[in-house]
Amino acid sequence: MTLPIDPDAVAAGDYGEKRATLELDHEEAVEHVRETFLDHGFGVPVEFSPSELLNEKVDADRDPYYVLGACNPEMADRALDATDGRIGALFACNVVVWEEEPGVQTVYHVSIMRIARLLGLDTDAEAMDGIVAETGEMVDAAYADL
């Protein structure tokens, strides 16, 4: 399969990659991340533990790994309009917390708004520029408070 873009030419900033390290137990880190994103205008309508599921279903023996599906309804509504509904395939804006070692958690996020731009899903570039900027500021503020 030939990719439409060169992955080596895409930098972490192009897709809004963010990382933080928290020195907390896994459950405490998940709660802290949830509360921080809620404080910065995101809801968390979906959350689940892939590690629990995989450990149960296929005896994967995975360390704790948790996905918080964060969403700002106003931004989601605007993004649906700016992409003729196609960005919905990328919803929600996931924030992932995984255990590096006991007491050390990584918090990871990529911007679905930036990814939609890279994939050419936007049909209203001007509207999407504003959405990318605003959601980026919201995520930056949340990460600053982690």
Protein backbone atom coordinates (compact mmCIF):
# COMPACT_ATOMS: atom_id res chain seq x y z
CA MET A 1 0.00 0.00 0.00
CA THR A 2 1.31 3.44 -0.89
CA LEU A 3 0.60 6.13 1.64
CA PRO A 4 -0.71 9.48 0.37
CA ILE A 5 1.74 11.35 2.60
CA ASP A 6 5.29 10.63 3.66
CA PRO A 7 5.17 9.73 7.38
CA ASP A 8 8.79 10.85 7.75
CA ALA A 9 7.78 14.33 6.55
CA VAL A 10 5.11 14.71 9.24
CA ALA A 11 6.28 16.06 12.59
CA ALA A 12 4.58 15.54 15.95
CA GLY A 13 3.36 19.15 15.91
CA ASP A 14 1.59 18.55 12.60
CA TYR A 15 -0.80 16.12 14.27
CA GLY A 16 -0.82 17.76 17.69
CA GLU A 17 1.00 15.09 19.65
CA LYS A 18 1.17 15.81 23.38
CA ARG A 19 2.80 13.81 26.17
CA ALA A 20 3.06 14.27 29.89
CA THR A 21 4.37 12.10 32.69
CA LEU A 22 2.53 11.87 35.99
CA GLU A 23 4.00 10.36 39.11
CA LEU A 24 0.74 8.90 40.40
CA ASP A 25 -0.86 5.49 40.68
CA HIS A 26 -2.76 4.57 37.54
CA GLU A 27 -6.26 5.09 38.93
CA GLU A 28 -5.27 8.43 40.49
CA ALA A 29 -3.74 9.55 37.19
CA VAL A 30 -6.88 8.65 35.23
CA GLU A 31 -9.02 10.62 37.68
CA HIS A 32 -6.62 13.58 37.59
CA VAL A 33 -6.60 13.65 33.78
CA ARG A 34 -10.41 13.35 33.65
CA GLU A 35 -10.88 16.22 36.11
CA THR A 36 -8.28 18.41 34.37
CA PHE A 37 -9.90 18.00 30.97
CA LEU A 38 -13.35 18.62 32.47
CA ASP A 39 -12.00 21.84 34.00
CA HIS A 40 -10.83 22.93 30.54
CA GLY A 41 -14.15 22.57 28.74
CA PHE A 42 -14.13 18.94 27.71
CA GLY A 43 -16.69 16.33 28.59
CA VAL A 44 -15.78 12.65 28.77
CA PRO A 45 -18.73 10.80 27.22
CA VAL A 46 -16.77 7.62 26.53
CA GLU A 47 -14.06 5.88 28.51
CA PHE A 48 -12.74 2.36 28.68
CA SER A 49 -9.77 0.20 29.57
CA PRO A 50 -8.36 -1.72 26.58
CA SER A 51 -5.93 -3.46 28.95
CA GLU A 52 -8.75 -4.88 31.08
CA LEU A 53 -10.62 -6.03 27.99
CA LEU A 54 -7.56 -7.64 26.39
CA ASN A 55 -6.40 -9.22 29.63
CA GLU A 56 -9.84 -10.77 30.05
CA LYS A 57 -10.48 -11.81 26.44
CA VAL A 58 -7.08 -12.97 25.22
CA ASP A 59 -5.01 -13.21 28.41
CA ALA A 60 -2.78 -10.39 27.13
CA ASP A 61 -1.14 -9.58 30.49
CA ARG A 62 -1.09 -5.85 29.64
CA ASP A 63 -0.18 -3.13 32.10
CA PRO A 64 -2.91 -0.58 32.90
CA TYR A 65 -3.98 1.41 29.82
CA TYR A 66 -7.02 3.69 29.83
CA VAL A 67 -8.74 5.80 27.17
CA LEU A 68 -10.74 8.92 28.00
CA GLY A 69 -12.86 10.02 25.03
CA ALA A 70 -12.84 13.78 25.60
CA CYS A 71 -15.19 16.07 23.72
CA ASN A 72 -16.16 19.73 23.65
CA PRO A 73 -19.67 19.69 22.13
CA GLU A 74 -19.36 23.14 20.54
CA MET A 75 -16.09 22.25 18.83
CA ALA A 76 -17.44 18.86 17.74
CA ASP A 77 -20.51 20.50 16.21
CA ARG A 78 -18.39 23.04 14.33
CA ALA A 79 -15.96 20.33 13.16
CA LEU A 80 -18.81 18.21 11.79
CA ASP A 81 -19.94 21.18 9.71
CA ALA A 82 -16.39 22.00 8.56
CA THR A 83 -15.84 18.42 7.32
CA ASP A 84 -19.30 17.57 5.95
CA GLY A 85 -19.65 15.11 8.83
CA ARG A 86 -16.58 13.07 8.00
CA ILE A 87 -14.62 13.92 11.15
CA GLY A 88 -17.14 11.87 13.14
CA ALA A 89 -15.17 8.79 12.11
CA LEU A 90 -12.34 10.10 14.29
CA PHE A 91 -14.45 11.09 17.35
CA ALA A 92 -13.86 11.31 20.27
CA CYS A 93 -10.66 13.26 21.00
CA ASN A 94 -8.93 10.54 22.98
CA VAL A 95 -6.59 11.16 25.86
CA VAL A 96 -4.76 7.98 26.82
CA VAL A 97 -3.17 7.12 30.17
CA TRP A 98 -0.82 4.17 30.35
CA GLU A 99 1.40 2.85 33.08
CA GLU A 100 5.13 3.02 32.31
CA GLU A 101 5.89 1.47 35.66
CA PRO A 102 4.08 1.42 39.00
CA GLY A 103 3.60 5.04 40.06
CA VAL A 104 4.58 6.51 36.66
CA GLN A 105 1.94 7.18 34.01
CA THR A 106 2.17 8.61 30.49
CA VAL A 107 -0.66 10.86 29.28
CA TYR A 108 -0.86 10.92 25.47
CA HIS A 109 -3.01 12.78 22.96
CA VAL A 110 -3.09 13.54 19.24
CA SER A 111 -5.35 16.17 17.71
CA ILE A 112 -8.12 14.68 15.59
CA MET A 113 -8.70 18.18 14.24
CA ARG A 114 -5.12 18.37 12.92
CA ILE A 115 -5.31 14.79 11.65
CA ALA A 116 -8.52 15.63 9.77
CA ARG A 117 -6.65 18.53 8.11
CA LEU A 118 -3.73 16.28 7.15
CA LEU A 119 -6.15 13.77 5.63
CA GLY A 120 -7.99 16.46 3.69
CA LEU A 121 -11.29 15.84 5.45
CA ASP A 122 -12.01 19.53 5.90
CA THR A 123 -14.33 21.13 3.37
CA ASP A 124 -14.22 24.57 5.00
CA ALA A 125 -10.56 25.42 5.56
CA GLU A 126 -11.22 28.76 7.22
CA ALA A 127 -13.63 27.26 9.76
CA MET A 128 -11.24 24.37 10.41
CA ASP A 129 -8.34 26.78 11.00
CA GLY A 130 -10.32 28.36 13.84
CA ILE A 131 -11.31 24.98 15.28
CA VAL A 132 -7.71 23.72 15.19
CA ALA A 133 -6.50 26.88 16.93
CA GLU A 134 -9.19 26.87 19.62
CA THR A 135 -9.02 23.19 20.44
CA GLY A 136 -5.22 23.41 20.46
CA GLU A 137 -5.40 26.18 23.07
CA MET A 138 -7.81 24.12 25.17
CA VAL A 139 -5.58 21.03 25.07
CA ASP A 140 -2.45 23.11 25.75
CA ALA A 141 -4.15 24.61 28.82
CA ALA A 142 -5.20 21.18 30.08
CA TYR A 143 -1.70 19.79 29.62
CA ALA A 144 -0.23 22.81 31.41
CA ASP A 145 -2.41 21.93 34.40
CA LEU A 146 -1.61 18.22 34.46
